[in-house]
Protein backbone atom coordinates (compact mmCIF):
# COMPACT_ATOMS: atom_id res chain seq x y z
CA GLY A 1 23.79 -1.84 -73.37
CA GLU A 2 26.59 -3.66 -71.58
CA LEU A 3 29.28 -1.78 -73.51
CA ALA A 4 27.66 1.60 -72.81
CA GLU A 5 27.49 0.78 -69.09
CA ARG A 6 31.11 -0.38 -68.99
CA ILE A 7 32.38 2.74 -70.72
CA LEU A 8 30.46 5.05 -68.38
CA ARG A 9 31.69 3.22 -65.29
CA ASP A 10 35.27 3.25 -66.58
CA LEU A 11 34.95 7.01 -66.94
CA GLY A 12 34.22 7.17 -63.22
CA TYR A 13 30.46 7.63 -63.18
CA GLU A 14 28.47 5.96 -60.40
CA PHE A 15 24.86 5.20 -61.20
CA ASN A 16 22.11 2.60 -61.14
CA TYR A 17 21.82 0.99 -64.55
CA ILE A 18 18.79 -0.94 -65.78
CA ASN A 19 19.27 -2.77 -69.07
CA MET A 20 15.76 -3.46 -70.33
CA ALA A 21 17.12 -6.06 -72.75
CA ASP A 22 17.56 -8.33 -69.71
CA TYR A 23 13.80 -8.31 -69.12
CA THR A 24 12.30 -8.56 -72.62
CA THR A 25 11.71 -12.29 -72.43
CA GLY A 26 8.00 -12.18 -73.20
CA LYS A 27 7.16 -13.30 -69.65
CA TYR A 28 5.00 -11.01 -67.54
CA LYS A 29 6.95 -11.77 -64.37
CA ASP A 30 10.14 -10.42 -65.97
CA TYR A 31 8.44 -7.16 -66.91
CA LEU A 32 7.33 -6.84 -63.30
CA LYS A 33 10.93 -7.34 -62.21
CA ALA A 34 11.92 -4.47 -64.49
CA LEU A 35 9.24 -2.21 -62.98
CA LYS A 36 10.45 -3.15 -59.50
CA LYS A 37 13.97 -2.17 -60.50
CA ILE A 38 12.76 1.19 -61.76
CA ASN A 39 10.74 1.90 -58.60
CA PRO A 40 11.69 -0.38 -55.68
CA LYS A 41 9.20 1.40 -53.40
CA ALA A 42 6.22 0.62 -55.58
CA LYS A 43 3.66 -1.73 -54.11
CA LYS A 44 3.53 -5.05 -55.87
CA ILE A 45 -0.24 -5.09 -56.40
CA GLY A 46 -0.38 -1.54 -57.72
CA MET A 47 2.69 -2.10 -59.86
CA MET A 48 1.22 -5.28 -61.28
CA LYS A 49 -2.02 -3.52 -62.18
CA ALA A 50 -0.22 -0.58 -63.79
CA GLY A 51 2.09 -2.94 -65.68
CA LEU A 52 -0.79 -5.05 -66.99
CA ASP A 53 -2.68 -1.91 -68.03
CA ALA A 54 0.39 -0.69 -69.93
CA LEU A 55 0.78 -4.03 -71.69
CA LYS A 56 -2.92 -4.04 -72.57
CA MET A 57 -2.59 -0.54 -74.01
CA MET A 58 0.36 -1.60 -76.16
CA GLN A 59 -1.58 -4.58 -77.47
CA ASN A 60 -4.55 -2.35 -78.30
CA ILE A 61 -2.32 0.15 -80.11
CA ASP A 62 -0.72 -2.63 -82.14
CA ALA A 63 -4.14 -4.07 -83.03
CA ILE A 64 -5.56 -0.69 -84.12
CA GLU A 65 -2.41 0.13 -86.11
CA GLU A 66 -2.67 -3.22 -87.88
CA TYR A 67 -6.33 -2.67 -88.72
CA TYR A 68 -5.70 0.92 -89.85
CA TYR A 69 -2.84 0.20 -92.27
CA GLN A 70 -4.54 -2.86 -93.74
CA ASN A 71 -7.73 -0.96 -94.59
CA LEU A 72 -6.84 2.71 -95.07
CA GLY A 73 -6.13 2.38 -98.79
CA PHE A 74 -9.57 0.96 -99.52
CA CYS A 75 -11.90 3.17 -97.46
CA GLU A 76 -14.19 5.81 -98.98
CA ASP A 77 -12.95 8.66 -96.78
CA PRO A 78 -9.20 8.40 -95.91
CA VAL A 79 -9.24 11.75 -94.08
CA LYS A 80 -11.96 10.60 -91.69
CA TYR A 81 -10.24 7.23 -91.34
CA LYS A 82 -7.03 8.99 -90.30
CA SER A 83 -8.96 11.17 -87.82
CA ILE A 84 -10.30 8.03 -86.09
CA TYR A 85 -6.76 6.73 -85.71
CA THR A 86 -5.51 10.11 -84.43
CA ARG A 87 -8.36 10.30 -81.91
CA PHE A 88 -7.60 6.77 -80.68
CA MET A 89 -3.94 7.65 -80.06
CA HIS A 90 -5.07 10.77 -78.18
CA ASP A 91 -7.43 8.65 -76.05
CA MET A 92 -4.60 6.25 -75.20
CA HIS A 93 -2.39 9.17 -74.20
CA LYS A 94 -5.09 10.48 -71.85
CA ALA A 95 -6.16 7.07 -70.47
CA LYS A 96 -5.95 6.75 -66.67
CA ASN A 97 -7.00 3.13 -66.15
CA SER A 98 -7.97 -0.10 -67.88
CA GLU A 99 -11.55 1.11 -68.37
CA ASP A 100 -10.32 4.13 -70.35
CA ILE A 101 -8.00 1.89 -72.39
CA ASN A 102 -10.73 -0.59 -73.28
CA GLU A 103 -13.26 2.14 -74.00
CA GLY A 104 -10.88 3.96 -76.35
CA TYR A 105 -10.07 0.74 -78.20
CA LYS A 106 -13.72 -0.28 -78.52
CA LYS A 107 -14.75 3.17 -79.76
CA ALA A 108 -12.01 3.27 -82.41
CA LEU A 109 -12.68 -0.26 -83.65
CA GLU A 110 -16.41 0.38 -83.95
CA ALA A 111 -15.74 3.64 -85.82
CA PHE A 112 -13.42 1.85 -88.27
CA GLN A 113 -15.87 -1.00 -88.81
CA SER A 114 -18.70 1.44 -89.51
CA MET A 115 -16.88 2.87 -92.54
CA PRO A 116 -17.27 1.15 -95.94
CA VAL A 117 -14.12 -0.57 -97.24
CA HIS A 118 -13.82 -1.88 -100.82
CA LYS A 119 -10.85 -4.22 -101.27
CA GLY A 120 -11.97 -6.46 -104.05
CA GLU A 121 -11.03 -10.12 -104.28
CA LEU A 122 -7.28 -9.73 -104.64
CA PRO A 123 -6.00 -6.56 -102.96
CA LEU A 124 -2.29 -5.84 -103.20
CA LYS A 125 -0.56 -7.07 -100.03
CA VAL A 126 2.83 -5.72 -99.03
CA ALA A 127 4.84 -6.68 -95.95
CA VAL A 128 7.03 -4.12 -94.21
CA LEU A 129 10.17 -5.42 -92.55
CA GLY A 130 12.87 -3.67 -90.60
CA GLU A 131 14.76 -2.90 -87.44
CA TYR A 132 12.67 -2.92 -84.25
CA PHE A 133 12.63 0.82 -83.51
CA THR A 134 12.75 2.28 -87.03
CA VAL A 135 10.09 0.11 -88.63
CA MET A 136 7.50 0.95 -85.96
CA ASP A 137 8.17 4.68 -85.72
CA GLU A 138 6.52 6.73 -88.49
CA PHE A 139 8.88 9.65 -87.89
CA SER A 140 11.97 7.47 -88.34
CA ASN A 141 10.75 5.70 -91.49
CA PHE A 142 9.22 8.78 -93.13
CA ASN A 143 5.63 7.51 -92.85
CA LEU A 144 6.39 4.49 -95.02
CA GLU A 145 3.26 2.55 -94.04
CA GLN A 146 1.01 5.57 -94.50
CA ASP A 147 2.38 6.23 -97.97
CA LEU A 148 1.99 2.61 -99.05
CA ALA A 149 -1.55 2.43 -97.69
CA MET A 150 -2.53 5.63 -99.52
CA MET A 151 -1.44 3.95 -102.75
CA GLY A 152 -4.18 1.34 -102.30
CA VAL A 153 -2.04 -1.30 -100.63
CA GLU A 154 -2.92 -3.61 -97.74
CA VAL A 155 0.09 -3.07 -95.48
CA HIS A 156 1.24 -5.80 -93.07
CA ARG A 157 3.93 -5.49 -90.39
CA TRP A 158 4.81 -8.27 -87.95
CA MET A 159 7.36 -6.31 -85.94
CA ASN A 160 5.58 -4.64 -83.04
CA VAL A 161 5.55 -4.79 -79.25
CA THR A 162 2.86 -7.48 -79.10
CA HIS A 163 4.62 -9.89 -81.44
CA ARG A 164 8.22 -9.19 -80.50
CA ASN A 165 7.93 -8.70 -76.74
CA LEU A 166 4.80 -10.53 -75.62
CA HIS A 167 4.29 -13.40 -78.04
CA TYR A 168 7.80 -13.89 -79.43
CA PRO A 169 8.41 -17.57 -80.29
CA GLY A 170 12.10 -17.29 -79.39
CA GLU A 171 15.34 -17.86 -81.29
CA LYS A 172 15.26 -21.61 -80.70
CA ASN A 173 11.87 -21.84 -82.42
CA LEU A 174 12.49 -19.31 -85.18
CA HIS A 175 15.95 -20.38 -86.30
CA PRO A 176 14.98 -23.91 -87.45
CA ARG A 177 12.44 -22.31 -89.82
CA ILE A 178 15.12 -20.25 -91.57
CA GLN A 179 18.22 -22.44 -91.19
CA GLU A 180 18.40 -22.92 -94.96
CA TYR A 181 19.20 -19.20 -95.16
CA CYS A 182 21.03 -18.65 -91.86
CA GLN A 183 23.70 -20.98 -90.56
CA TYR A 184 23.90 -19.13 -87.25
CA GLU A 185 21.38 -17.37 -85.04
CA MET A 186 21.14 -13.76 -86.17
CA GLY A 187 19.59 -12.22 -83.07
CA PRO A 188 15.93 -11.44 -82.39
CA THR A 189 15.28 -8.65 -84.89
CA SER A 190 17.27 -10.14 -87.77
CA SER A 191 15.96 -13.67 -87.31
CA ALA A 192 12.38 -12.44 -87.04
CA ASN A 193 12.69 -10.38 -90.24
CA ILE A 194 14.14 -13.29 -92.22
CA TRP A 195 11.44 -15.61 -90.91
CA TYR A 196 8.67 -13.10 -91.66
CA ALA A 197 9.99 -12.48 -95.19
CA LYS A 198 9.94 -16.22 -95.86
CA GLU A 199 6.43 -16.58 -94.42
CA CYS A 200 5.07 -13.70 -96.52
CA ALA A 201 6.62 -15.18 -99.66
CA GLU A 202 4.99 -18.53 -98.92
CA LYS A 203 1.63 -16.81 -98.40
CA GLY A 204 1.87 -15.13 -101.80
CA PHE A 205 2.34 -11.50 -100.76
CA ASP A 206 2.76 -9.13 -103.68
CA GLY A 207 5.88 -7.51 -102.26
CA MET A 208 8.06 -6.76 -99.28
CA VAL A 209 9.64 -3.46 -98.27
CA LYS A 210 12.52 -2.80 -95.91
CA GLU A 211 12.02 0.34 -93.85
CA ARG A 212 12.78 3.34 -96.04
CA TRP A 213 16.19 5.00 -95.88
CA LEU A 214 16.34 6.40 -99.43
CA TYR A 215 13.17 8.48 -99.20
CA GLN A 216 14.66 11.26 -101.35
CA LEU A 217 14.78 8.95 -104.41
CA ARG A 218 11.27 9.99 -105.36
CA TYR A 219 12.40 13.60 -105.73
CA ILE A 220 14.80 12.69 -108.56
CA LYS A 221 13.17 13.16 -111.97
CA GLU A 222 14.88 10.48 -114.08
CA GLU A 223 14.97 6.77 -113.29
CA LYS A 224 18.58 6.46 -114.48
CA ARG A 225 19.74 9.08 -111.99
CA ARG A 226 17.70 7.44 -109.24
CA LYS A 227 19.64 4.23 -109.81
CA VAL A 228 22.97 6.06 -109.70
CA TYR A 229 22.00 7.73 -106.42
CA HIS A 230 20.80 4.42 -105.01
CA TYR A 231 24.07 2.64 -105.83
CA LEU A 232 26.17 5.49 -104.47
CA ASN A 233 24.26 5.20 -101.18
CA ALA A 234 24.81 1.46 -101.08
CA PHE A 235 28.51 1.93 -101.85
CA GLY A 236 28.82 4.64 -99.19
CA LEU A 237 27.52 2.30 -96.50
CA THR A 238 30.68 0.17 -96.64
CA PRO A 239 33.13 2.89 -95.52
CA TRP A 240 30.52 4.18 -93.08
CA ILE A 241 30.32 0.77 -91.41
CA ALA A 242 34.12 0.35 -91.54
CA LEU A 243 34.63 3.70 -89.82
CA HIS A 244 32.19 2.92 -87.03
CA LEU A 245 33.60 -0.57 -86.51
CA PHE A 246 37.07 0.97 -86.21
CA TYR A 247 35.97 3.28 -83.41
CA VAL A 248 33.93 0.55 -81.70
CA MET A 249 36.95 -1.78 -81.84
CA ILE A 250 39.15 0.75 -80.03
CA LEU A 251 36.49 1.58 -77.42
CA THR A 252 35.79 -2.11 -76.79
CA LEU A 253 39.49 -2.90 -76.44
CA PHE A 254 39.99 -0.01 -74.01
CA SER A 255 36.97 -1.09 -71.95
CA TRP A 256 38.08 -4.74 -71.84
CA MET A 257 41.67 -3.93 -70.85
CA HIS A 258 40.52 -1.45 -68.22
CA GLY A 259 38.24 -4.03 -66.64
CA ASN A 260 40.56 -7.05 -66.81
CA GLY A 261 43.71 -5.94 -65.04
CA TYR A 262 45.42 -4.05 -67.88
CA ALA A 263 44.25 -0.55 -67.03
CA ASP A 264 47.78 0.92 -66.96
CA ALA A 265 48.49 -0.21 -70.51
CA ALA A 266 45.02 0.36 -71.97
CA LEU A 267 45.51 3.95 -73.12
CA ALA A 268 48.92 3.32 -74.67
CA VAL A 269 47.75 0.20 -76.52
CA CYS A 270 44.66 1.91 -77.90
CA GLU A 271 46.66 4.98 -78.95
CA GLY A 272 49.15 2.70 -80.69
CA LEU A 273 46.36 0.84 -82.48
CA PHE A 274 44.79 4.10 -83.58
CA SER A 275 48.09 5.49 -84.89
CA ARG A 276 48.66 2.36 -87.00
CA LEU A 277 45.16 2.33 -88.50
CA SER A 278 44.28 6.03 -88.42
CA TRP A 279 44.47 6.10 -92.25
CA LEU A 280 41.09 4.35 -92.21
CA VAL A 281 39.44 7.57 -91.04
CA PRO A 282 40.28 9.90 -93.98
CA VAL A 283 39.93 7.07 -96.52
CA SER A 284 36.48 6.11 -95.21
CA GLU A 285 35.35 9.72 -95.10
CA ALA A 286 36.58 10.31 -98.66
CA LEU A 287 34.69 7.25 -99.94
CA MET A 288 31.50 8.53 -98.32
CA LEU A 289 31.65 11.87 -100.17
CA PRO A 290 30.40 10.89 -103.68
CA VAL A 291 26.77 10.40 -102.65
CA PHE A 292 26.62 13.84 -101.00
CA LEU A 293 28.34 15.51 -103.98
CA TYR A 294 26.02 13.77 -106.43
CA TRP A 295 22.93 14.87 -104.48
CA PHE A 296 24.22 18.46 -104.55
CA TYR A 297 24.79 18.16 -108.32
CA LEU A 298 21.25 16.83 -108.92
CA GLN A 299 19.67 19.66 -106.96
CA ILE A 300 21.76 22.55 -108.25
CA THR A 301 21.23 21.48 -111.89
CA GLY A 302 17.45 21.13 -111.48
CA LYS A 303 17.35 17.36 -111.88
CA THR A 304 15.09 16.97 -108.85
CA VAL A 305 11.60 18.32 -108.23
CA LEU A 306 12.98 20.31 -105.31
CA PRO A 307 13.90 24.00 -105.75
CA ARG A 308 17.56 24.55 -106.67
CA TRP A 309 18.28 26.62 -103.59
CA MET A 310 17.81 23.47 -101.48
CA ALA A 311 21.17 22.27 -102.82
CA PHE A 312 22.65 24.54 -100.15
CA THR A 313 20.98 22.50 -97.43
CA ASN A 314 23.33 19.64 -98.44
CA VAL A 315 24.96 17.73 -95.59
CA LEU A 316 28.41 18.94 -96.64
CA VAL A 317 27.28 22.59 -96.61
CA ILE A 318 25.77 22.17 -93.15
CA TYR A 319 28.96 20.41 -92.03
CA ALA A 320 31.09 23.36 -93.22
CA LEU A 321 28.88 25.84 -91.36
CA LEU A 322 28.99 23.81 -88.15
CA LYS A 323 32.76 23.44 -88.50
CA GLY A 324 33.02 27.21 -88.61
CA VAL A 325 30.86 27.45 -85.47
CA SER A 326 33.10 24.92 -83.68
CA LEU A 327 36.18 27.05 -84.38
CA LEU A 328 34.54 29.99 -82.60
CA LEU A 329 33.77 27.99 -79.46
CA PRO A 330 36.12 28.19 -76.45
CA VAL A 331 38.24 25.11 -75.74
CA SER A 332 36.08 22.87 -73.57
CA ALA A 333 34.56 19.39 -73.29
CA PHE A 334 31.49 20.70 -75.13
CA ARG A 335 33.62 21.86 -78.07
CA LEU A 336 35.33 18.47 -78.24
CA GLY A 337 32.00 16.61 -78.23
CA PHE A 338 30.45 19.06 -80.70
CA THR A 339 33.39 18.72 -83.10
CA ASN A 340 33.49 14.91 -82.90
CA GLY A 341 29.79 14.75 -83.73
CA LEU A 342 29.78 17.23 -86.63
CA MET A 343 28.76 14.70 -89.27
CA SER A 344 25.94 13.27 -87.16
CA GLU A 345 24.73 16.76 -86.29
CA SER A 346 24.81 17.73 -89.97
CA MET A 347 22.81 14.64 -90.91
CA ILE A 348 20.21 15.36 -88.22
CA LEU A 349 19.74 18.93 -89.48
CA TRP A 350 19.51 17.69 -93.08
CA PHE A 351 16.93 15.07 -92.12
CA GLY A 352 14.98 17.86 -90.40
CA VAL A 353 15.02 19.95 -93.57
CA MET A 354 13.92 16.99 -95.71
CA LEU A 355 11.20 16.04 -93.24
CA GLY A 356 9.86 19.59 -93.23
CA ARG A 357 9.90 19.66 -97.00
CA SER A 358 8.21 16.25 -97.16
CA CYS A 359 5.37 17.38 -94.90
CA PHE A 360 4.87 20.48 -97.05
CA TRP A 361 5.13 18.49 -100.28
CA ASP A 362 2.89 15.62 -99.21
CA SER A 363 0.43 17.37 -96.91
CA ALA A 364 -2.46 15.82 -98.82
CA SER A 365 -1.27 12.24 -98.29
CA PHE A 366 0.15 11.85 -94.82
CA CYS A 367 0.37 15.17 -92.99
CA ASP A 368 -2.98 16.41 -91.78
CA GLY A 369 -2.39 19.74 -93.46
């Protein structure tokens, strides 16, 4: 957040900037300070009531989500179970006050509890770990929890707003519990995940899953080829990280020099640094290619369950098409931004294609049809 603010201000923008990370301490008074920053004219009493209602709603959503994913795989009617959850989320969206929030929560919980659930003595328990935003968002993690639950698994996830923002024990309390694995504090999300993984192992969980980023593995027919694709992805992450760190290093250096009395030399120094290390860009991009080429090969040769024509929705194909579009655009700031983001734009479009295909393919399991 601080780096983004510094860059924007160095570019000459004037604006009010509220970094919510400064207020996520778990203390209610700090959340009220954040609300006051957002709307200084708001009355304290009304703001306090609205803030407390919002926090209560988040706690209710977390509690219902927890109940839903831990019991969905064992209920007699999963479709009806899902409809209760969907109705609850709709009620929370329409809620106007604390009475609506409490009523919606009570109605959903009673509906869940009225449905028979058959877990047996030793149900499979799997913990889901991951980055704060991705692990909680079903769109971002390709409905990971829903899929696991539909397999007859009791799904547990610690990372949510209630645990991380309202009842977070803090780095000073978490780190001593994992110091045998971490010499230094890893930050709130990383430390919490390491601690939760250790706790689940001690409690005898049957497995742990990091939020899914290789969802397409299940489309590959042969296990051997799945492993190859998996390792190519893992290998491709190294140049991807190196490339982003290279750009971040230059941006950070420029921002620091511009804000610490070296503004006149900042551009020349950063250009010099880039010219010396610019070879990192083509090398990194070349090392990232194998996984995309291999995925194209698997699809075009019929080694996935997807139709062969989907090989032409490959990231590299989309990239080539967008590159052609960029050459037709007039010279402008938009063209510069569009061209610099071609790979990200290609990935977004590819994810959209895969998501659409997933919903069509798995409509029975996690898309309501």
